[in-house]
């Protein structure tokens, strides 16, 4: 069985894995034109971001990086063409990605976000050497698949993040690969897929950061896994199939949302729009 098929199998297992010790919170009063923005019960199949096999090798320089949001069939679909600015950060994310709406800046928001950046920078400083991250329990997602940003994920922190927010414990570390080495460029925080927008705002103000989630995932049937890859993919997170009806008609398994909410932070950048870059979040898919 090829590595890609194995990766897809692991993805299926993790997508169906229930979260232990998850505290189900009641939806806060959050509305947009009177409609609730809380995640629906149908989107609750995965509450944490489990990104790779526990058997992934992690003690050699050849070990390839792990990009959690980057999953089978998740090529860049060309959706991130809009220009990023602090005044208008709404982008066309395409049918497989959704983002929180930017809110108005409130007193204390910037200070709260700055505290997260400080914690992110402190954590990042510790893991500039990727080998230190590996020795501390971070694991690489899809190590043999070329990616624009590789995610090293700590599963213990992922479970912790599903229950409460600790900015000192980023779920994933983001690396760019240069030859056989990895350059740390940022971190990723996560939240349960059941989190409503008020809960995400409480973690990192939505006036500063925009969280994203991966949606409309059609898992291919066992005899059509190759159709989750390449520029003409039908399945997966870059596939042409985006609805439950179309997915079932093709023999696939439809998941309204796969993985929880995520937000990238690039703490080594100097400008606010670069630290919280929405464009880089949208453009981190596998080639």
C-alpha atoms as a PDB file:
ATOM      1  CA  UNK A   1       0.000   0.000   0.000  1.00  0.00           C
ATOM      2  CA  UNK A   2       1.409   3.381  -0.935  1.00  0.00           C
ATOM      3  CA  UNK A   3       2.267   6.042   1.622  1.00  0.00           C
ATOM      4  CA  UNK A   4      -0.493   8.260   0.282  1.00  0.00           C
ATOM      5  CA  UNK A   5      -3.126   5.569   0.733  1.00  0.00           C
ATOM      6  CA  UNK A   6      -1.856   4.909   4.261  1.00  0.00           C
ATOM      7  CA  UNK A   7      -2.089   8.621   5.005  1.00  0.00           C
ATOM      8  CA  UNK A   8      -5.663   8.650   3.758  1.00  0.00           C
ATOM      9  CA  UNK A   9      -6.517   5.650   5.934  1.00  0.00           C
ATOM     10  CA  UNK A  10      -5.078   7.382   8.995  1.00  0.00           C
ATOM     11  CA  UNK A  11      -7.035  10.496   8.115  1.00  0.00           C
ATOM     12  CA  UNK A  12     -10.235   8.474   8.048  1.00  0.00           C
ATOM     13  CA  UNK A  13      -9.518   6.928  11.430  1.00  0.00           C
ATOM     14  CA  UNK A  14      -8.749  10.276  13.034  1.00  0.00           C
ATOM     15  CA  UNK A  15     -11.792  11.896  11.494  1.00  0.00           C
ATOM     16  CA  UNK A  16     -14.021   9.306  13.132  1.00  0.00           C
ATOM     17  CA  UNK A  17     -12.220   9.342  16.472  1.00  0.00           C
ATOM     18  CA  UNK A  18     -14.375  10.829  19.254  1.00  0.00           C
ATOM     19  CA  UNK A  19     -12.827  13.296  21.664  1.00  0.00           C
ATOM     20  CA  UNK A  20     -12.267  12.096  25.194  1.00  0.00           C
ATOM     21  CA  UNK A  21     -13.053  14.376  28.098  1.00  0.00           C
ATOM     22  CA  UNK A  22     -14.741  16.941  25.833  1.00  0.00           C
ATOM     23  CA  UNK A  23     -16.911  19.363  27.751  1.00  0.00           C
ATOM     24  CA  UNK A  24     -19.907  20.245  25.610  1.00  0.00           C
ATOM     25  CA  UNK A  25     -20.667  23.911  26.115  1.00  0.00           C
ATOM     26  CA  UNK A  26     -23.964  25.598  25.436  1.00  0.00           C
ATOM     27  CA  UNK A  27     -23.980  27.962  22.468  1.00  0.00           C
ATOM     28  CA  UNK A  28     -23.546  31.604  23.380  1.00  0.00           C
ATOM     29  CA  UNK A  29     -25.830  34.264  21.999  1.00  0.00           C
ATOM     30  CA  UNK A  30     -24.046  34.938  18.770  1.00  0.00           C
ATOM     31  CA  UNK A  31     -25.814  36.012  15.667  1.00  0.00           C
ATOM     32  CA  UNK A  32     -25.352  37.304  12.191  1.00  0.00           C
ATOM     33  CA  UNK A  33     -28.561  38.747  10.895  1.00  0.00           C
ATOM     34  CA  UNK A  34     -30.389  36.812  13.586  1.00  0.00           C
ATOM     35  CA  UNK A  35     -28.949  33.432  12.580  1.00  0.00           C
ATOM     36  CA  UNK A  36     -26.849  31.408  14.961  1.00  0.00           C
ATOM     37  CA  UNK A  37     -23.204  30.975  14.037  1.00  0.00           C
ATOM     38  CA  UNK A  38     -22.565  28.146  16.494  1.00  0.00           C
ATOM     39  CA  UNK A  39     -21.356  24.906  14.946  1.00  0.00           C
ATOM     40  CA  UNK A  40     -24.172  22.467  14.263  1.00  0.00           C
ATOM     41  CA  UNK A  41     -24.310  18.998  15.874  1.00  0.00           C
ATOM     42  CA  UNK A  42     -23.747  17.534  12.417  1.00  0.00           C
ATOM     43  CA  UNK A  43     -20.260  19.015  12.425  1.00  0.00           C
ATOM     44  CA  UNK A  44     -19.148  17.296  15.625  1.00  0.00           C
ATOM     45  CA  UNK A  45     -17.455  14.171  14.256  1.00  0.00           C
ATOM     46  CA  UNK A  46     -13.952  15.434  15.104  1.00  0.00           C
ATOM     47  CA  UNK A  47     -13.063  17.826  17.879  1.00  0.00           C
ATOM     48  CA  UNK A  48      -9.322  17.750  17.829  1.00  0.00           C
ATOM     49  CA  UNK A  49      -6.619  18.004  15.250  1.00  0.00           C
ATOM     50  CA  UNK A  50      -5.044  14.567  15.095  1.00  0.00           C
ATOM     51  CA  UNK A  51      -2.545  14.824  12.286  1.00  0.00           C
ATOM     52  CA  UNK A  52      -0.391  11.801  11.887  1.00  0.00           C
ATOM     53  CA  UNK A  53       0.318   8.216  12.726  1.00  0.00           C
ATOM     54  CA  UNK A  54       1.867   7.548  16.106  1.00  0.00           C
ATOM     55  CA  UNK A  55       4.251   5.322  14.193  1.00  0.00           C
ATOM     56  CA  UNK A  56       5.642   8.213  12.140  1.00  0.00           C
ATOM     57  CA  UNK A  57       9.448   8.174  12.338  1.00  0.00           C
ATOM     58  CA  UNK A  58      10.722  11.192  14.224  1.00  0.00           C
ATOM     59  CA  UNK A  59      14.318  10.655  15.135  1.00  0.00           C
ATOM     60  CA  UNK A  60      16.106  11.205  11.836  1.00  0.00           C
ATOM     61  CA  UNK A  61      16.927  14.230   9.750  1.00  0.00           C
ATOM     62  CA  UNK A  62      15.113  12.666   6.798  1.00  0.00           C
ATOM     63  CA  UNK A  63      11.790  12.774   8.637  1.00  0.00           C
ATOM     64  CA  UNK A  64       9.520  15.003   6.605  1.00  0.00           C
ATOM     65  CA  UNK A  65       7.360  17.697   8.193  1.00  0.00           C
ATOM     66  CA  UNK A  66       3.810  17.451   9.197  1.00  0.00           C
ATOM     67  CA  UNK A  67       1.133  19.764   7.930  1.00  0.00           C
ATOM     68  CA  UNK A  68      -2.008  19.147   9.836  1.00  0.00           C
ATOM     69  CA  UNK A  69      -4.476  21.105   7.804  1.00  0.00           C
ATOM     70  CA  UNK A  70      -2.825  19.720   4.690  1.00  0.00           C
ATOM     71  CA  UNK A  71      -4.658  16.516   3.945  1.00  0.00           C
ATOM     72  CA  UNK A  72      -5.062  14.187   0.965  1.00  0.00           C
ATOM     73  CA  UNK A  73      -6.317  16.085  -2.056  1.00  0.00           C
ATOM     74  CA  UNK A  74      -5.693  19.424  -0.377  1.00  0.00           C
ATOM     75  CA  UNK A  75      -3.794  21.165  -3.132  1.00  0.00           C
ATOM     76  CA  UNK A  76      -3.938  24.940  -3.423  1.00  0.00           C
ATOM     77  CA  UNK A  77      -7.230  25.504  -5.221  1.00  0.00           C
ATOM     78  CA  UNK A  78      -6.448  29.093  -6.196  1.00  0.00           C
ATOM     79  CA  UNK A  79      -8.864  30.587  -3.678  1.00  0.00           C
ATOM     80  CA  UNK A  80      -6.342  32.863  -1.990  1.00  0.00           C
ATOM     81  CA  UNK A  81      -6.079  35.633  -4.557  1.00  0.00           C
ATOM     82  CA  UNK A  82      -7.437  38.536  -2.565  1.00  0.00           C
ATOM     83  CA  UNK A  83      -5.122  41.170  -1.173  1.00  0.00           C
ATOM     84  CA  UNK A  84      -4.684  41.035   2.595  1.00  0.00           C
ATOM     85  CA  UNK A  85      -5.081  44.195   4.634  1.00  0.00           C
ATOM     86  CA  UNK A  86      -5.986  45.023   8.213  1.00  0.00           C
ATOM     87  CA  UNK A  87      -9.083  46.926   7.070  1.00  0.00           C
ATOM     88  CA  UNK A  88     -10.477  44.180   4.832  1.00  0.00           C
ATOM     89  CA  UNK A  89      -9.398  40.604   5.476  1.00  0.00           C
ATOM     90  CA  UNK A  90     -12.341  38.831   3.872  1.00  0.00           C
ATOM     91  CA  UNK A  91     -11.210  36.369   1.234  1.00  0.00           C
ATOM     92  CA  UNK A  92     -12.841  33.881  -1.082  1.00  0.00           C
ATOM     93  CA  UNK A  93     -11.727  30.702   0.630  1.00  0.00           C
ATOM     94  CA  UNK A  94     -13.406  28.358  -1.831  1.00  0.00           C
ATOM     95  CA  UNK A  95     -15.903  25.594  -1.009  1.00  0.00           C
ATOM     96  CA  UNK A  96     -13.587  23.619   1.274  1.00  0.00           C
ATOM     97  CA  UNK A  97     -12.608  26.294   3.771  1.00  0.00           C
ATOM     98  CA  UNK A  98     -14.492  28.712   5.986  1.00  0.00           C
ATOM     99  CA  UNK A  99     -13.264  31.534   8.209  1.00  0.00           C
ATOM    100  CA  UNK A 100     -14.651  33.562  11.062  1.00  0.00           C
ATOM    101  CA  UNK A 101     -15.866  37.050  10.207  1.00  0.00           C
ATOM    102  CA  UNK A 102     -13.737  39.956  11.294  1.00  0.00           C
ATOM    103  CA  UNK A 103     -15.254  41.887  14.194  1.00  0.00           C
ATOM    104  CA  UNK A 104     -14.861  45.500  15.235  1.00  0.00           C
ATOM    105  CA  UNK A 105     -11.891  46.246  17.477  1.00  0.00           C
ATOM    106  CA  UNK A 106     -12.889  46.579  21.132  1.00  0.00           C
ATOM    107  CA  UNK A 107     -10.932  47.961  24.075  1.00  0.00           C
ATOM    108  CA  UNK A 108      -8.454  45.352  25.285  1.00  0.00           C
ATOM    109  CA  UNK A 109      -8.518  43.252  22.103  1.00  0.00           C
ATOM    110  CA  UNK A 110      -5.089  44.312  20.885  1.00  0.00           C
ATOM    111  CA  UNK A 111      -3.510  43.798  24.294  1.00  0.00           C
ATOM    112  CA  UNK A 112      -5.033  40.330  24.557  1.00  0.00           C
ATOM    113  CA  UNK A 113      -3.813  39.384  21.092  1.00  0.00           C
ATOM    114  CA  UNK A 114      -0.355  40.761  21.886  1.00  0.00           C
ATOM    115  CA  UNK A 115      -0.179  38.461  24.911  1.00  0.00           C
ATOM    116  CA  UNK A 116      -0.858  35.486  22.632  1.00  0.00           C
ATOM    117  CA  UNK A 117       1.871  36.620  20.254  1.00  0.00           C
ATOM    118  CA  UNK A 118       4.302  36.923  23.160  1.00  0.00           C
ATOM    119  CA  UNK A 119       3.484  33.366  24.268  1.00  0.00           C
ATOM    120  CA  UNK A 120       3.726  32.110  20.672  1.00  0.00           C
ATOM    121  CA  UNK A 121       7.132  33.732  20.235  1.00  0.00           C
ATOM    122  CA  UNK A 122       8.357  32.215  23.487  1.00  0.00           C
ATOM    123  CA  UNK A 123       7.231  28.756  22.386  1.00  0.00           C
ATOM    124  CA  UNK A 124       8.693  29.258  18.924  1.00  0.00           C
ATOM    125  CA  UNK A 125      12.037  30.365  20.324  1.00  0.00           C
ATOM    126  CA  UNK A 126      12.265  27.030  22.125  1.00  0.00           C
ATOM    127  CA  UNK A 127      11.709  25.048  18.937  1.00  0.00           C
ATOM    128  CA  UNK A 128      13.794  26.794  16.305  1.00  0.00           C
ATOM    129  CA  UNK A 129      15.652  23.483  16.162  1.00  0.00           C
ATOM    130  CA  UNK A 130      13.038  21.029  14.919  1.00  0.00           C
ATOM    131  CA  UNK A 131      14.827  18.164  16.659  1.00  0.00           C
ATOM    132  CA  UNK A 132      13.932  19.759  19.992  1.00  0.00           C
ATOM    133  CA  UNK A 133      10.288  19.759  18.954  1.00  0.00           C
ATOM    134  CA  UNK A 134      10.472  16.083  18.063  1.00  0.00           C
ATOM    135  CA  UNK A 135      12.088  15.227  21.379  1.00  0.00           C
ATOM    136  CA  UNK A 136       9.328  17.141  23.205  1.00  0.00           C
ATOM    137  CA  UNK A 137       6.537  15.105  21.679  1.00  0.00           C
ATOM    138  CA  UNK A 138       5.712  16.933  18.464  1.00  0.00           C
ATOM    139  CA  UNK A 139       5.113  14.639  15.501  1.00  0.00           C
ATOM    140  CA  UNK A 140       5.258  15.263  11.762  1.00  0.00           C
ATOM    141  CA  UNK A 141       2.146  15.002   9.602  1.00  0.00           C
ATOM    142  CA  UNK A 142       2.500  13.264   6.215  1.00  0.00           C
ATOM    143  CA  UNK A 143       6.293  13.375   6.355  1.00  0.00           C
ATOM    144  CA  UNK A 144       6.799  12.067   2.829  1.00  0.00           C
ATOM    145  CA  UNK A 145       4.349  14.403   1.082  1.00  0.00           C
ATOM    146  CA  UNK A 146       5.721  17.763  -0.211  1.00  0.00           C
ATOM    147  CA  UNK A 147       4.060  20.672   1.586  1.00  0.00           C
ATOM    148  CA  UNK A 148       4.388  24.441   1.713  1.00  0.00           C
ATOM    149  CA  UNK A 149       4.182  24.509   5.493  1.00  0.00           C
ATOM    150  CA  UNK A 150       4.900  21.445   7.577  1.00  0.00           C
ATOM    151  CA  UNK A 151       3.052  21.029  10.848  1.00  0.00           C
ATOM    152  CA  UNK A 152       4.641  19.321  13.835  1.00  0.00           C
ATOM    153  CA  UNK A 153       1.764  18.473  16.186  1.00  0.00           C
ATOM    154  CA  UNK A 154       1.655  17.654  19.864  1.00  0.00           C
ATOM    155  CA  UNK A 155      -1.399  15.422  20.418  1.00  0.00           C
ATOM    156  CA  UNK A 156      -1.483  16.052  24.139  1.00  0.00           C
ATOM    157  CA  UNK A 157      -1.702  19.776  23.471  1.00  0.00           C
ATOM    158  CA  UNK A 158      -4.391  19.126  20.836  1.00  0.00           C
ATOM    159  CA  UNK A 159      -6.577  17.399  23.429  1.00  0.00           C
ATOM    160  CA  UNK A 160      -5.855  20.181  25.912  1.00  0.00           C
ATOM    161  CA  UNK A 161      -6.819  22.824  23.346  1.00  0.00           C
ATOM    162  CA  UNK A 162     -10.165  21.114  22.736  1.00  0.00           C
ATOM    163  CA  UNK A 163     -11.079  21.857  26.358  1.00  0.00           C
ATOM    164  CA  UNK A 164      -9.283  25.086  27.231  1.00  0.00           C
ATOM    165  CA  UNK A 165      -6.862  27.561  25.690  1.00  0.00           C
ATOM    166  CA  UNK A 166      -3.223  27.668  26.771  1.00  0.00           C
ATOM    167  CA  UNK A 167      -1.185  29.991  24.511  1.00  0.00           C
ATOM    168  CA  UNK A 168       2.019  28.501  25.943  1.00  0.00           C
ATOM    169  CA  UNK A 169       1.094  25.177  24.311  1.00  0.00           C
ATOM    170  CA  UNK A 170       0.520  25.615  20.565  1.00  0.00           C
ATOM    171  CA  UNK A 171      -1.037  22.521  19.021  1.00  0.00           C
ATOM    172  CA  UNK A 172       1.311  22.661  16.038  1.00  0.00           C
ATOM    173  CA  UNK A 173       4.603  24.232  15.045  1.00  0.00           C
ATOM    174  CA  UNK A 174       4.881  25.469  11.456  1.00  0.00           C
ATOM    175  CA  UNK A 175       8.057  24.821   9.508  1.00  0.00           C
ATOM    176  CA  UNK A 176       9.296  25.413   5.987  1.00  0.00           C
ATOM    177  CA  UNK A 177      11.608  22.739   4.641  1.00  0.00           C
ATOM    178  CA  UNK A 178      14.988  23.645   3.199  1.00  0.00           C
ATOM    179  CA  UNK A 179      16.725  20.542   1.977  1.00  0.00           C
ATOM    180  CA  UNK A 180      16.871  18.196   4.943  1.00  0.00           C
ATOM    181  CA  UNK A 181      16.359  20.926   7.528  1.00  0.00           C
ATOM    182  CA  UNK A 182      13.319  22.793   8.773  1.00  0.00           C
ATOM    183  CA  UNK A 183      12.960  26.514   9.438  1.00  0.00           C
ATOM    184  CA  UNK A 184      10.385  27.463  12.057  1.00  0.00           C
ATOM    185  CA  UNK A 185       8.052  30.206  10.821  1.00  0.00           C
ATOM    186  CA  UNK A 186       5.079  30.075  13.159  1.00  0.00           C
ATOM    187  CA  UNK A 187       2.687  28.153  15.363  1.00  0.00           C
ATOM    188  CA  UNK A 188      -0.911  27.011  15.167  1.00  0.00           C
ATOM    189  CA  UNK A 189      -3.585  27.058  17.849  1.00  0.00           C
ATOM    190  CA  UNK A 190      -6.712  24.936  17.657  1.00  0.00           C
ATOM    191  CA  UNK A 191     -10.175  24.691  19.197  1.00  0.00           C
ATOM    192  CA  UNK A 192     -12.991  22.165  19.165  1.00  0.00           C
ATOM    193  CA  UNK A 193     -15.051  22.089  15.993  1.00  0.00           C
ATOM    194  CA  UNK A 194     -18.075  22.628  18.244  1.00  0.00           C
ATOM    195  CA  UNK A 195     -16.717  25.984  19.404  1.00  0.00           C
ATOM    196  CA  UNK A 196     -18.946  28.907  18.522  1.00  0.00           C
ATOM    197  CA  UNK A 197     -17.505  32.215  17.465  1.00  0.00           C
ATOM    198  CA  UNK A 198     -17.828  33.810  20.898  1.00  0.00           C
ATOM    199  CA  UNK A 199     -15.657  31.026  22.305  1.00  0.00           C
ATOM    200  CA  UNK A 200     -13.057  31.541  19.579  1.00  0.00           C
ATOM    201  CA  UNK A 201     -13.183  35.280  20.225  1.00  0.00           C
ATOM    202  CA  UNK A 202     -12.518  34.623  23.902  1.00  0.00           C
ATOM    203  CA  UNK A 203      -9.326  32.758  22.999  1.00  0.00           C
ATOM    204  CA  UNK A 204      -8.022  35.236  20.428  1.00  0.00           C
ATOM    205  CA  UNK A 205     -10.134  38.302  19.557  1.00  0.00           C
ATOM    206  CA  UNK A 206     -11.842  38.014  16.176  1.00  0.00           C
ATOM    207  CA  UNK A 207     -11.058  41.661  15.579  1.00  0.00           C
ATOM    208  CA  UNK A 208      -7.408  40.638  15.311  1.00  0.00           C
ATOM    209  CA  UNK A 209      -7.342  37.015  14.164  1.00  0.00           C
ATOM    210  CA  UNK A 210      -9.504  34.981  11.827  1.00  0.00           C
ATOM    211  CA  UNK A 211      -9.866  31.298  12.575  1.00  0.00           C
ATOM    212  CA  UNK A 212     -10.357  28.823   9.743  1.00  0.00           C
ATOM    213  CA  UNK A 213     -11.903  25.383   9.384  1.00  0.00           C
ATOM    214  CA  UNK A 214     -11.808  22.759   6.628  1.00  0.00           C
ATOM    215  CA  UNK A 215     -15.233  21.781   5.352  1.00  0.00           C
ATOM    216  CA  UNK A 216     -17.170  19.771   2.739  1.00  0.00           C
ATOM    217  CA  UNK A 217     -14.825  16.795   2.826  1.00  0.00           C
ATOM    218  CA  UNK A 218     -15.759  13.785   0.709  1.00  0.00           C
ATOM    219  CA  UNK A 219     -13.808  10.674   1.637  1.00  0.00           C
ATOM    220  CA  UNK A 220     -13.353   8.533  -1.489  1.00  0.00           C
ATOM    221  CA  UNK A 221     -14.424   4.894  -1.613  1.00  0.00           C
ATOM    222  CA  UNK A 222     -11.631   2.384  -1.193  1.00  0.00           C
ATOM    223  CA  UNK A 223     -11.256   1.742  -4.910  1.00  0.00           C
ATOM    224  CA  UNK A 224     -11.049   5.438  -5.874  1.00  0.00           C
ATOM    225  CA  UNK A 225      -8.476   6.877  -3.468  1.00  0.00           C
ATOM    226  CA  UNK A 226      -6.325   8.163  -6.328  1.00  0.00           C
ATOM    227  CA  UNK A 227      -9.098  10.606  -7.187  1.00  0.00           C
ATOM    228  CA  UNK A 228      -8.291  12.561  -4.005  1.00  0.00           C
ATOM    229  CA  UNK A 229      -4.988  13.711  -5.526  1.00  0.00           C
ATOM    230  CA  UNK A 230      -3.838  15.953  -8.297  1.00  0.00           C
ATOM    231  CA  UNK A 231      -5.220  18.996 -10.118  1.00  0.00           C
ATOM    232  CA  UNK A 232      -8.357  17.128 -11.243  1.00  0.00           C
ATOM    233  CA  UNK A 233      -9.201  15.626  -7.855  1.00  0.00           C
ATOM    234  CA  UNK A 234     -12.849  14.780  -7.215  1.00  0.00           C
ATOM    235  CA  UNK A 235     -12.541  13.826  -3.531  1.00  0.00           C
ATOM    236  CA  UNK A 236     -10.694  15.391  -0.602  1.00  0.00           C
ATOM    237  CA  UNK A 237     -10.223  19.032   0.318  1.00  0.00           C
ATOM    238  CA  UNK A 238      -9.370  20.195  -3.166  1.00  0.00           C
ATOM    239  CA  UNK A 239     -11.890  17.969  -4.878  1.00  0.00           C
ATOM    240  CA  UNK A 240     -14.722  19.053  -7.125  1.00  0.00           C
ATOM    241  CA  UNK A 241     -17.252  17.272  -4.883  1.00  0.00           C
ATOM    242  CA  UNK A 242     -18.544  19.723  -2.287  1.00  0.00           C
ATOM    243  CA  UNK A 243     -22.001  18.485  -1.257  1.00  0.00           C
ATOM    244  CA  UNK A 244     -23.349  15.515   0.664  1.00  0.00           C
ATOM    245  CA  UNK A 245     -25.605  14.410  -2.186  1.00  0.00           C
ATOM    246  CA  UNK A 246     -22.800  14.472  -4.749  1.00  0.00           C
ATOM    247  CA  UNK A 247     -20.459  12.675  -2.357  1.00  0.00           C
ATOM    248  CA  UNK A 248     -22.926   9.881  -1.625  1.00  0.00           C
ATOM    249  CA  UNK A 249     -23.753   9.562  -5.314  1.00  0.00           C
ATOM    250  CA  UNK A 250     -20.034   9.006  -5.958  1.00  0.00           C
ATOM    251  CA  UNK A 251     -19.858   6.374  -3.235  1.00  0.00           C
ATOM    252  CA  UNK A 252     -17.936   8.543  -0.769  1.00  0.00           C
ATOM    253  CA  UNK A 253     -18.419   9.488   2.879  1.00  0.00           C
ATOM    254  CA  UNK A 254     -19.264  13.149   3.454  1.00  0.00           C
ATOM    255  CA  UNK A 255     -17.982  15.131   6.444  1.00  0.00           C
ATOM    256  CA  UNK A 256     -19.345  18.683   6.848  1.00  0.00           C
ATOM    257  CA  UNK A 257     -16.220  19.689   8.771  1.00  0.00           C
ATOM    258  CA  UNK A 258     -13.001  17.789   9.308  1.00  0.00           C
ATOM    259  CA  UNK A 259     -10.725  18.763  12.195  1.00  0.00           C
ATOM    260  CA  UNK A 260     -11.436  21.607  14.582  1.00  0.00           C
ATOM    261  CA  UNK A 261     -10.973  25.359  14.264  1.00  0.00           C
ATOM    262  CA  UNK A 262      -7.415  26.549  13.600  1.00  0.00           C
ATOM    263  CA  UNK A 263      -5.495  29.806  13.550  1.00  0.00           C
ATOM    264  CA  UNK A 264      -1.911  30.444  12.478  1.00  0.00           C
ATOM    265  CA  UNK A 265       0.375  32.916  14.221  1.00  0.00           C
ATOM    266  CA  UNK A 266       3.677  34.056  12.713  1.00  0.00           C
ATOM    267  CA  UNK A 267       5.278  35.633  15.795  1.00  0.00           C
ATOM    268  CA  UNK A 268       8.629  36.467  14.181  1.00  0.00           C
ATOM    269  CA  UNK A 269       6.974  38.943  11.797  1.00  0.00           C
ATOM    270  CA  UNK A 270       6.910  42.650  12.638  1.00  0.00           C
ATOM    271  CA  UNK A 271       3.636  43.888  11.133  1.00  0.00           C
ATOM    272  CA  UNK A 272       0.241  42.935  12.525  1.00  0.00           C
ATOM    273  CA  UNK A 273      -1.057  41.889   9.117  1.00  0.00           C
ATOM    274  CA  UNK A 274       1.918  39.545   8.748  1.00  0.00           C
ATOM    275  CA  UNK A 275       1.655  38.087  12.251  1.00  0.00           C
ATOM    276  CA  UNK A 276      -1.985  37.175  11.673  1.00  0.00           C
ATOM    277  CA  UNK A 277      -1.743  36.640   7.920  1.00  0.00           C
ATOM    278  CA  UNK A 278      -4.966  35.225   6.514  1.00  0.00           C
ATOM    279  CA  UNK A 279      -3.371  34.775   3.116  1.00  0.00           C
ATOM    280  CA  UNK A 280      -0.682  32.485   4.491  1.00  0.00           C
ATOM    281  CA  UNK A 281      -3.337  30.442   6.265  1.00  0.00           C
ATOM    282  CA  UNK A 282      -5.243  30.024   3.023  1.00  0.00           C
ATOM    283  CA  UNK A 283      -2.140  29.289   0.976  1.00  0.00           C
ATOM    284  CA  UNK A 284      -0.572  26.549   3.079  1.00  0.00           C
ATOM    285  CA  UNK A 285      -1.962  23.569   1.215  1.00  0.00           C
ATOM    286  CA  UNK A 286       0.154  20.831  -0.281  1.00  0.00           C
ATOM    287  CA  UNK A 287       1.461  21.172  -3.805  1.00  0.00           C
END
